[in-house]
Amino acid sequence: MRALLIALLFLTVPAAAHPVLMISIDGLRSKDVTDAPARGMKLPNLSRLMTDGAWADGVRDVLPSVTYPNHTTLVTGVAPAIHGIAGNLSFDPFGKNMEAWYWYAEDVKVPSLFDVVHAKGARSLAFGWPATVGSLSITDNIPEYWRAYTQDDVKVVRAVSTPGMAERINKISGTTFKATLGVTLAADMAKAKAAAAIIAADHPLFSAVHLSSLDETEHEHGPDTPQKRANLEALDDIVGTLVAAARKAQPDLVVALVSDHGFAAISHDVNMVTAFVEAGLVTLDKGKVKDWQAMPWYQAGSDIIVLKDRNDAAVKEKVAALLKKLAADPKNGIAGVIDRAEIAKRGGAKEADFWVSFAPGFKGGKALTGPLITPSVDKGTHGYFPDWDAMRSTFLIAGPDVPKKALGEIDMHDIAPTVAKIMDVKLPAATGKPLF
């Protein structure tokens, strides 16, 4: 299906196209930009993108409001149920896959902006972009990937990047490949510097750069803290420098500043697996999962519930009763539960049979034993149902032929088709529509 959709692109008549630089600031709430002065922040470069182009008052994320599904929607224009990236972590009830994420491009089931740019015969750059490992379409690819959290991860990322990219970055960018890896502000600065050098050298039609330090800071310190504000102000400088360098290389460049989700403060974890163990739905042996009939799947601010056998009506009824009981007590931190039919309406993962969204101040926990509610190490998170205003993400776009206008609140599905139109490529599977 994917190959057929890409083949249809050649039936279109080519027209003038503008190159696009998409910069994602992971975890950037829309109001942190639109209300920056009131929130005690000076963001001149992000504010300039607003005044020079079009901007959204907020972006409605996809379910769940976590990094990988939303970044994939940003480049495909479809929901997780269609593109296949269900969450950050793949479903691994026995814990055998070392908390693997949806890193791989082959798991994306529809054409992305990278694919259609490749089909057009143009170049692309992806720097730290989720779900791009192994992409055959990206010209210059340094994907987001890690495994052991050791220095050997530098070798791993070099191995899954476009051959020669590490050496090329070391040679032309004034920074090092190693410096670009990680979730620190310094890594974001190096990543932007390297991306600018590649854009200047290669003039890609589509560039996508993922900056991740803000998300890490908000998890560690919370979304309304001095540490977060300092991080975002520093990122504003980084974005300004990258945009200036990219526009120098490509004067007709359009810049799209996006994010994947909002953020909320938290204080407690809800360890749903412990309730499923107590109910006999999960069996443990020596502290590890031995068997399961129904299993929570961690999504930070929510949990997917997966049934091992969807045809087992008794287990389904038992799970529904357990979730109803847990949700009835406000102390358990559950804001809502939806079933498979409602999940399908919202475009959530096809694997999900129930979906639990936690209440403000709570997130999912990963403990298999012990209390249901425990203090959280993190101070902030996301992953809740996207209808919560705190989860609204960011969209600013400026450049040639971009109207200067307020777009109001928009749907994330519409961003990829908008970018595709600017580059004069088509996304045949996209369910969204261009915003202008």
Protein backbone atom coordinates (compact mmCIF):
# COMPACT_ATOMS: atom_id res chain seq x y z
CA MET A 1 0.00 0.00 0.00
CA ARG A 2 2.78 2.39 0.96
CA ALA A 3 4.65 1.78 -2.32
CA LEU A 4 1.44 2.35 -4.33
CA LEU A 5 0.73 5.63 -2.58
CA ILE A 6 4.26 6.89 -3.25
CA ALA A 7 3.98 5.87 -6.91
CA LEU A 8 0.87 8.05 -7.31
CA LEU A 9 3.00 11.12 -6.61
CA PHE A 10 4.47 11.00 -10.09
CA LEU A 11 1.03 11.75 -11.57
CA THR A 12 1.15 15.30 -10.17
CA VAL A 13 2.38 18.31 -12.13
CA PRO A 14 5.43 19.91 -10.51
CA ALA A 15 5.24 23.59 -9.50
CA ALA A 16 7.45 26.10 -7.71
CA ALA A 17 8.41 24.88 -4.25
CA HIS A 18 9.91 26.45 -1.16
CA PRO A 19 12.31 24.51 1.06
CA VAL A 20 11.04 23.95 4.59
CA LEU A 21 12.93 23.76 7.87
CA MET A 22 10.77 22.13 10.56
CA ILE A 23 12.16 22.67 14.06
CA SER A 24 10.53 20.74 16.89
CA ILE A 25 10.99 21.92 20.47
CA ASP A 26 9.91 18.86 22.40
CA GLY A 27 7.36 19.64 25.12
CA LEU A 28 6.77 23.31 24.17
CA ARG A 29 3.31 24.39 25.31
CA SER A 30 1.58 26.82 22.96
CA LYS A 31 0.87 29.35 25.71
CA ASP A 32 4.55 29.48 26.65
CA VAL A 33 5.05 31.23 23.32
CA THR A 34 1.84 33.21 22.87
CA ASP A 35 1.88 34.37 26.52
CA ALA A 36 5.65 34.46 27.01
CA PRO A 37 5.89 37.96 28.61
CA ALA A 38 3.13 37.18 31.09
CA ARG A 39 4.97 33.97 31.99
CA GLY A 40 8.22 35.84 32.62
CA MET A 41 10.06 34.84 29.44
CA LYS A 42 11.75 36.75 26.64
CA LEU A 43 11.52 34.79 23.38
CA PRO A 44 12.35 37.29 20.63
CA ASN A 45 13.06 34.74 17.92
CA LEU A 46 9.94 32.66 18.47
CA SER A 47 7.90 35.87 18.76
CA ARG A 48 9.34 37.06 15.44
CA LEU A 49 8.16 33.88 13.74
CA MET A 50 4.67 34.68 15.08
CA THR A 51 4.60 38.26 13.86
CA ASP A 52 6.20 37.44 10.51
CA GLY A 53 3.87 34.59 9.62
CA ALA A 54 0.97 32.39 10.72
CA TRP A 55 0.58 30.93 14.18
CA ALA A 56 -1.79 28.70 16.10
CA ASP A 57 -3.24 29.53 19.49
CA GLY A 58 -2.82 25.83 20.21
CA VAL A 59 -2.46 22.48 18.46
CA ARG A 60 -4.66 19.52 19.35
CA ASP A 61 -2.31 16.56 19.69
CA VAL A 62 -3.00 12.96 18.81
CA LEU A 63 -3.69 10.19 21.33
CA PRO A 64 -1.49 9.74 23.32
CA SER A 65 0.18 13.13 23.80
CA VAL A 66 3.72 11.72 23.81
CA THR A 67 6.72 12.29 21.56
CA TYR A 68 6.83 9.51 18.97
CA PRO A 69 3.19 9.30 17.84
CA ASN A 70 2.93 13.08 17.56
CA HIS A 71 6.23 13.54 15.72
CA THR A 72 5.07 10.90 13.26
CA THR A 73 1.75 12.68 12.77
CA LEU A 74 3.69 15.92 12.18
CA VAL A 75 5.29 14.34 9.09
CA THR A 76 2.44 12.10 7.88
CA GLY A 77 -0.81 13.94 8.61
CA VAL A 78 -2.54 10.84 10.01
CA ALA A 79 -3.41 9.43 13.43
CA PRO A 80 -1.46 6.69 15.24
CA ALA A 81 -4.10 4.11 14.31
CA ILE A 82 -3.09 4.72 10.69
CA HIS A 83 0.64 5.47 10.85
CA GLY A 84 1.35 2.69 13.34
CA ILE A 85 3.45 4.48 15.98
CA ALA A 86 1.24 3.72 18.96
CA GLY A 87 3.32 5.31 21.72
CA ASN A 88 6.91 5.92 22.74
CA LEU A 89 7.59 2.45 24.10
CA SER A 90 6.64 -0.66 22.16
CA PHE A 91 4.32 -3.10 23.93
CA ASP A 92 6.50 -5.51 25.90
CA PRO A 93 4.51 -7.26 28.64
CA PHE A 94 7.34 -9.58 29.65
CA GLY A 95 9.97 -6.83 29.73
CA LYS A 96 12.31 -8.64 27.35
CA ASN A 97 12.99 -5.80 24.90
CA MET A 98 14.94 -3.51 27.25
CA GLU A 99 12.33 -0.72 27.09
CA ALA A 100 12.70 -0.35 23.32
CA TRP A 101 10.99 2.62 21.69
CA TYR A 102 9.37 2.97 18.28
CA TRP A 103 12.69 4.00 16.76
CA TYR A 104 12.38 2.44 13.33
CA ALA A 105 11.10 3.96 10.09
CA GLU A 106 9.79 0.58 8.92
CA ASP A 107 7.10 0.78 11.61
CA VAL A 108 5.59 3.88 9.94
CA LYS A 109 2.88 2.45 7.70
CA VAL A 110 2.16 5.43 5.43
CA PRO A 111 4.31 7.81 3.37
CA SER A 112 5.91 10.64 5.33
CA LEU A 113 7.23 14.00 4.16
CA PHE A 114 10.65 12.34 3.93
CA ASP A 115 9.25 9.71 1.54
CA VAL A 116 7.46 12.14 -0.76
CA VAL A 117 10.45 14.49 -0.93
CA HIS A 118 12.58 11.49 -1.90
CA ALA A 119 10.01 10.52 -4.54
CA LYS A 120 10.32 14.03 -5.96
CA GLY A 121 14.06 13.48 -6.32
CA ALA A 122 14.97 16.08 -3.70
CA ARG A 123 17.21 15.94 -0.64
CA SER A 124 16.16 15.85 3.00
CA LEU A 125 17.75 16.14 6.43
CA ALA A 126 16.51 14.55 9.66
CA PHE A 127 18.38 15.35 12.86
CA GLY A 128 17.21 13.51 15.96
CA TRP A 129 13.77 12.96 14.42
CA PRO A 130 11.79 10.12 16.04
CA ALA A 131 10.94 6.91 14.17
CA THR A 132 13.52 7.41 11.39
CA VAL A 133 16.11 4.68 12.05
CA GLY A 134 16.70 2.77 8.83
CA SER A 135 14.81 5.19 6.57
CA LEU A 136 15.67 4.65 2.91
CA SER A 137 14.23 8.04 1.95
CA ILE A 138 16.19 10.49 4.12
CA THR A 139 19.32 11.79 2.42
CA ASP A 140 21.14 12.94 5.57
CA ASN A 141 19.85 11.09 8.62
CA ILE A 142 21.06 11.25 12.21
CA PRO A 143 18.12 9.54 13.95
CA GLU A 144 17.17 9.67 17.58
CA TYR A 145 18.36 6.38 19.04
CA TRP A 146 20.00 4.98 22.15
CA ARG A 147 20.41 1.62 23.80
CA ALA A 148 22.65 1.35 26.88
CA TYR A 149 23.05 4.99 27.98
CA THR A 150 26.82 4.60 27.77
CA GLN A 151 29.55 6.05 25.57
CA ASP A 152 29.05 3.14 23.20
CA ASP A 153 25.74 4.73 22.21
CA VAL A 154 27.81 7.17 20.14
CA LYS A 155 28.98 4.19 18.08
CA VAL A 156 25.43 2.87 17.85
CA VAL A 157 24.00 6.15 16.56
CA ARG A 158 26.89 6.50 14.11
CA ALA A 159 26.08 3.02 12.82
CA VAL A 160 22.38 3.81 12.21
CA SER A 161 23.06 7.26 10.69
CA THR A 162 23.71 7.93 7.02
CA PRO A 163 27.20 6.54 6.32
CA GLY A 164 29.85 9.21 6.71
CA MET A 165 27.58 11.70 8.49
CA ALA A 166 29.53 11.63 11.76
CA GLU A 167 32.81 12.34 10.00
CA ARG A 168 31.17 15.01 7.86
CA ILE A 169 29.74 16.82 10.89
CA ASN A 170 33.12 16.72 12.57
CA LYS A 171 34.68 18.27 9.46
CA ILE A 172 32.25 21.02 8.39
CA SER A 173 30.19 22.14 11.38
CA GLY A 174 32.56 23.50 14.02
CA THR A 175 31.16 20.96 16.50
CA THR A 176 31.34 17.18 16.82
CA PHE A 177 28.96 14.34 16.11
CA LYS A 178 29.34 13.18 19.71
CA ALA A 179 28.34 16.62 21.03
CA THR A 180 25.00 16.46 19.18
CA LEU A 181 23.81 13.37 21.05
CA GLY A 182 21.79 13.49 24.24
CA VAL A 183 18.97 15.51 25.79
CA THR A 184 20.92 18.45 27.20
CA LEU A 185 20.88 22.08 26.14
CA ALA A 186 24.49 21.71 25.01
CA ALA A 187 23.47 18.81 22.75
CA ASP A 188 20.65 20.90 21.25
CA MET A 189 23.11 23.72 20.57
CA ALA A 190 25.52 21.34 18.83
CA LYS A 191 22.67 19.71 16.91
CA ALA A 192 21.48 23.08 15.58
CA LYS A 193 25.03 24.06 14.64
CA ALA A 194 25.57 20.82 12.75
CA ALA A 195 22.15 21.07 11.06
CA ALA A 196 22.97 24.60 9.87
CA ALA A 197 26.20 23.37 8.30
CA ILE A 198 24.45 20.50 6.50
CA ILE A 199 21.70 22.80 5.21
CA ALA A 200 24.32 25.25 3.90
CA ALA A 201 26.17 22.45 2.13
CA ASP A 202 23.28 20.39 0.77
CA HIS A 203 20.28 22.75 0.39
CA PRO A 204 17.69 20.09 1.27
CA LEU A 205 14.06 20.60 0.28
CA PHE A 206 12.95 19.36 3.71
CA SER A 207 14.89 19.57 6.96
CA ALA A 208 13.54 18.35 10.30
CA VAL A 209 15.43 19.04 13.54
CA HIS A 210 14.29 17.75 16.93
CA LEU A 211 15.46 19.67 20.02
CA SER A 212 14.79 17.66 23.17
CA SER A 213 16.31 19.46 26.17
CA LEU A 214 13.16 21.35 27.17
CA ASP A 215 11.21 18.12 27.57
CA GLU A 216 13.96 16.68 29.77
CA THR A 217 14.06 19.83 31.91
CA GLU A 218 10.27 19.85 32.36
CA HIS A 219 10.28 16.19 33.41
CA GLU A 220 13.02 16.83 35.95
CA HIS A 221 11.92 20.20 37.33
CA GLY A 222 8.34 20.78 36.19
CA PRO A 223 6.76 22.96 33.49
CA ASP A 224 6.48 26.22 35.48
CA THR A 225 9.90 26.58 37.02
CA PRO A 226 12.95 28.85 36.68
CA GLN A 227 14.88 25.94 35.15
CA LYS A 228 12.27 25.52 32.42
CA ARG A 229 12.13 29.23 31.67
CA ALA A 230 15.92 29.46 31.42
CA ASN A 231 16.02 26.43 29.12
CA LEU A 232 13.38 27.84 26.78
CA GLU A 233 15.04 31.25 26.59
CA ALA A 234 18.31 29.53 25.66
CA LEU A 235 16.50 27.48 23.03
CA ASP A 236 15.07 30.68 21.60
CA ASP A 237 18.65 31.85 20.96
CA ILE A 238 19.53 28.49 19.40
CA VAL A 239 16.51 28.61 17.11
CA GLY A 240 17.33 32.18 16.08
CA THR A 241 20.88 31.24 15.14
CA LEU A 242 19.77 28.14 13.21
CA VAL A 243 17.05 30.01 11.32
CA ALA A 244 19.42 32.85 10.38
CA ALA A 245 22.04 30.42 9.07
CA ALA A 246 19.48 28.35 7.16
CA ARG A 247 17.92 31.43 5.56
CA LYS A 248 21.33 32.66 4.51
CA ALA A 249 21.84 29.38 2.68
CA GLN A 250 18.26 29.18 1.38
CA PRO A 251 16.74 32.69 1.08
CA ASP A 252 13.32 31.31 0.06
CA LEU A 253 13.16 29.06 3.13
CA VAL A 254 9.93 28.58 5.07
CA VAL A 255 10.42 27.86 8.79
CA ALA A 256 7.86 25.77 10.70
CA LEU A 257 8.35 25.75 14.49
CA VAL A 258 6.41 22.88 16.03
CA SER A 259 6.14 20.83 19.18
CA ASP A 260 4.70 17.45 20.00
CA HIS A 261 2.75 17.97 23.21
CA GLY A 262 2.24 20.20 26.22
CA PHE A 263 3.18 19.54 29.84
CA ALA A 264 1.66 19.33 33.30
CA ALA A 265 3.03 19.23 36.84
CA ILE A 266 2.81 15.93 38.72
CA SER A 267 3.46 14.56 42.18
CA HIS A 268 2.28 10.91 42.20
CA ASP A 269 2.50 7.72 40.14
CA VAL A 270 -0.40 5.33 39.61
CA ASN A 271 1.07 1.84 39.40
CA MET A 272 -1.76 0.20 37.48
CA VAL A 273 -0.01 -3.15 37.08
CA THR A 274 -0.19 -3.72 40.83
CA ALA A 275 -3.99 -3.57 40.67
CA PHE A 276 -4.00 -6.03 37.78
CA VAL A 277 -1.74 -8.39 39.75
CA GLU A 278 -4.07 -8.19 42.74
CA ALA A 279 -7.06 -8.92 40.47
CA GLY A 280 -5.35 -11.99 39.02
CA LEU A 281 -5.05 -10.50 35.55
CA VAL A 282 -1.23 -10.49 35.69
CA THR A 283 0.81 -13.33 37.20
CA LEU A 284 4.26 -12.71 38.63
CA ASP A 285 7.11 -15.10 39.34
CA LYS A 286 10.12 -13.87 41.31
CA GLY A 287 9.20 -10.26 40.63
CA LYS A 288 8.77 -10.68 36.87
CA VAL A 289 5.72 -11.14 34.66
CA LYS A 290 5.08 -14.84 34.09
CA ASP A 291 1.72 -14.56 32.32
CA TRP A 292 -1.02 -12.03 31.69
CA GLN A 293 -4.62 -11.76 30.60
CA ALA A 294 -4.72 -7.99 30.50
CA MET A 295 -1.78 -5.60 30.81
CA PRO A 296 -1.35 -1.83 31.24
CA TRP A 297 0.93 -0.24 28.64
CA TYR A 298 2.72 2.86 29.97
CA GLN A 299 2.06 6.18 28.17
CA ALA A 300 3.15 8.55 31.01
CA GLY A 301 -0.05 10.57 31.59
CA SER A 302 -2.17 7.60 30.55
CA ASP A 303 -2.13 3.81 30.28
CA ILE A 304 -3.33 1.69 27.40
CA ILE A 305 -4.92 -1.56 28.54
CA VAL A 306 -4.29 -4.51 26.21
CA LEU A 307 -6.26 -7.77 26.39
CA LYS A 308 -4.32 -10.91 25.51
CA ASP A 309 -7.46 -12.44 23.96
CA ARG A 310 -10.06 -9.94 22.77
CA ASN A 311 -12.56 -12.77 22.35
CA ASP A 312 -12.47 -13.58 26.07
CA ALA A 313 -15.63 -11.80 27.20
CA ALA A 314 -15.14 -12.76 30.85
CA VAL A 315 -11.71 -11.11 31.03
CA LYS A 316 -12.99 -8.02 29.23
CA GLU A 317 -15.84 -7.72 31.73
CA LYS A 318 -13.45 -8.23 34.64
CA VAL A 319 -11.13 -5.49 33.36
CA ALA A 320 -14.01 -3.09 32.81
CA ALA A 321 -15.24 -3.69 36.37
CA LEU A 322 -11.75 -3.19 37.81
CA LEU A 323 -11.24 0.09 35.94
CA LYS A 324 -14.68 1.34 37.01
CA LYS A 325 -13.87 0.55 40.63
CA LEU A 326 -10.47 2.25 40.50
CA ALA A 327 -11.85 5.34 38.75
CA ALA A 328 -14.61 5.72 41.33
CA ASP A 329 -12.09 6.70 44.04
CA PRO A 330 -10.55 10.15 43.39
CA LYS A 331 -7.53 9.13 45.46
CA ASN A 332 -6.53 6.76 42.66
CA GLY A 333 -5.87 9.65 40.28
CA ILE A 334 -7.92 8.46 37.31
CA ALA A 335 -9.62 11.17 35.24
CA GLY A 336 -11.34 8.95 32.68
CA VAL A 337 -11.53 5.59 30.93
CA ILE A 338 -12.54 4.99 27.31
CA ASP A 339 -13.22 1.73 25.50
CA ARG A 340 -12.10 0.37 22.17
CA ALA A 341 -14.88 2.05 20.19
CA GLU A 342 -14.05 5.49 21.59
CA ILE A 343 -10.32 4.87 21.12
CA ALA A 344 -10.99 4.17 17.44
CA LYS A 345 -12.93 7.44 17.11
CA ARG A 346 -9.95 9.30 18.56
CA GLY A 347 -7.44 7.58 16.28
CA GLY A 348 -5.59 5.81 19.09
CA ALA A 349 -3.56 2.61 18.85
CA LYS A 350 -5.35 -0.37 17.35
CA GLU A 351 -3.79 -2.56 20.03
CA ALA A 352 -5.72 -0.73 22.79
CA ASP A 353 -8.84 -2.26 24.35
CA PHE A 354 -9.25 0.35 27.10
CA TRP A 355 -7.44 3.63 27.73
CA VAL A 356 -7.00 5.22 31.15
CA SER A 357 -6.14 8.92 31.43
CA PHE A 358 -4.80 10.06 34.78
CA ALA A 359 -5.94 13.11 36.70
CA PRO A 360 -3.88 16.31 37.05
CA GLY A 361 -0.99 15.67 39.43
CA PHE A 362 -0.82 11.97 38.55
CA LYS A 363 0.94 9.88 35.91
CA GLY A 364 1.41 6.19 35.23
CA GLY A 365 3.93 4.18 37.20
CA LYS A 366 5.88 1.07 36.25
CA ALA A 367 6.07 -0.82 39.55
CA LEU A 368 4.83 -4.42 39.47
CA THR A 369 4.39 -4.73 43.23
CA GLY A 370 3.72 -2.43 46.16
CA PRO A 371 1.21 0.39 46.62
CA LEU A 372 -1.04 1.58 43.82
CA ILE A 373 -0.10 5.22 44.51
CA THR A 374 3.52 6.26 45.13
CA PRO A 375 5.42 9.58 45.04
CA SER A 376 6.71 10.43 41.57
CA VAL A 377 10.37 11.07 40.87
CA ASP A 378 9.42 13.28 37.92
CA LYS A 379 8.00 16.75 38.44
CA GLY A 380 6.23 17.05 35.10
CA THR A 381 4.85 14.90 32.29
CA HIS A 382 2.46 14.55 29.35
CA GLY A 383 0.66 11.66 27.65
CA TYR A 384 -2.84 12.56 28.87
CA PHE A 385 -5.91 12.67 26.66
CA PRO A 386 -5.29 15.45 24.13
CA ASP A 387 -8.50 17.31 25.01
CA TRP A 388 -6.81 18.74 28.11
CA ASP A 389 -5.68 22.31 27.34
CA ALA A 390 -2.33 21.77 29.10
CA MET A 391 -1.42 19.29 26.36
CA ARG A 392 -1.76 21.85 23.54
CA SER A 393 1.39 22.03 21.41
CA THR A 394 2.89 24.77 19.24
CA PHE A 395 2.79 25.77 15.57
CA LEU A 396 4.45 28.87 14.08
CA ILE A 397 5.28 29.21 10.39
CA ALA A 398 6.94 32.04 8.49
CA GLY A 399 8.55 32.61 5.11
CA PRO A 400 7.73 33.42 1.47
CA ASP A 401 4.04 33.07 0.55
CA VAL A 402 3.04 32.36 4.15
CA PRO A 403 0.16 34.65 5.18
CA LYS A 404 0.47 36.74 8.33
CA LYS A 405 -2.51 35.52 10.32
CA ALA A 406 -3.70 33.94 13.52
CA LEU A 407 -4.95 30.43 12.81
CA GLY A 408 -6.78 29.88 16.09
CA GLU A 409 -6.66 26.37 17.47
CA ILE A 410 -5.65 23.80 14.86
CA ASP A 411 -5.48 20.03 14.49
CA MET A 412 -2.04 18.40 14.30
CA HIS A 413 -3.18 16.37 11.29
CA ASP A 414 -3.19 19.59 9.22
CA ILE A 415 0.49 20.48 9.70
CA ALA A 416 2.05 17.89 7.36
CA PRO A 417 -0.33 18.69 4.47
CA THR A 418 0.47 22.39 4.93
CA VAL A 419 4.20 21.73 4.74
CA ALA A 420 3.71 19.39 1.78
CA LYS A 421 1.83 22.10 -0.12
CA ILE A 422 4.64 24.59 0.47
CA MET A 423 7.18 22.10 -0.92
CA ASP A 424 4.86 21.15 -3.81
CA VAL A 425 4.63 17.49 -2.85
CA LYS A 426 1.58 15.38 -2.05
CA LEU A 427 0.83 13.23 0.98
CA PRO A 428 -1.72 10.77 -0.47
CA ALA A 429 -2.59 9.14 2.87
CA ALA A 430 -2.97 12.35 4.90
CA THR A 431 -6.35 12.92 6.51
CA GLY A 432 -5.59 16.55 7.39
CA LYS A 433 -5.81 19.50 5.02
CA PRO A 434 -3.56 22.50 4.32
CA LEU A 435 -4.14 25.41 6.70
CA PHE A 436 -3.73 27.99 3.91
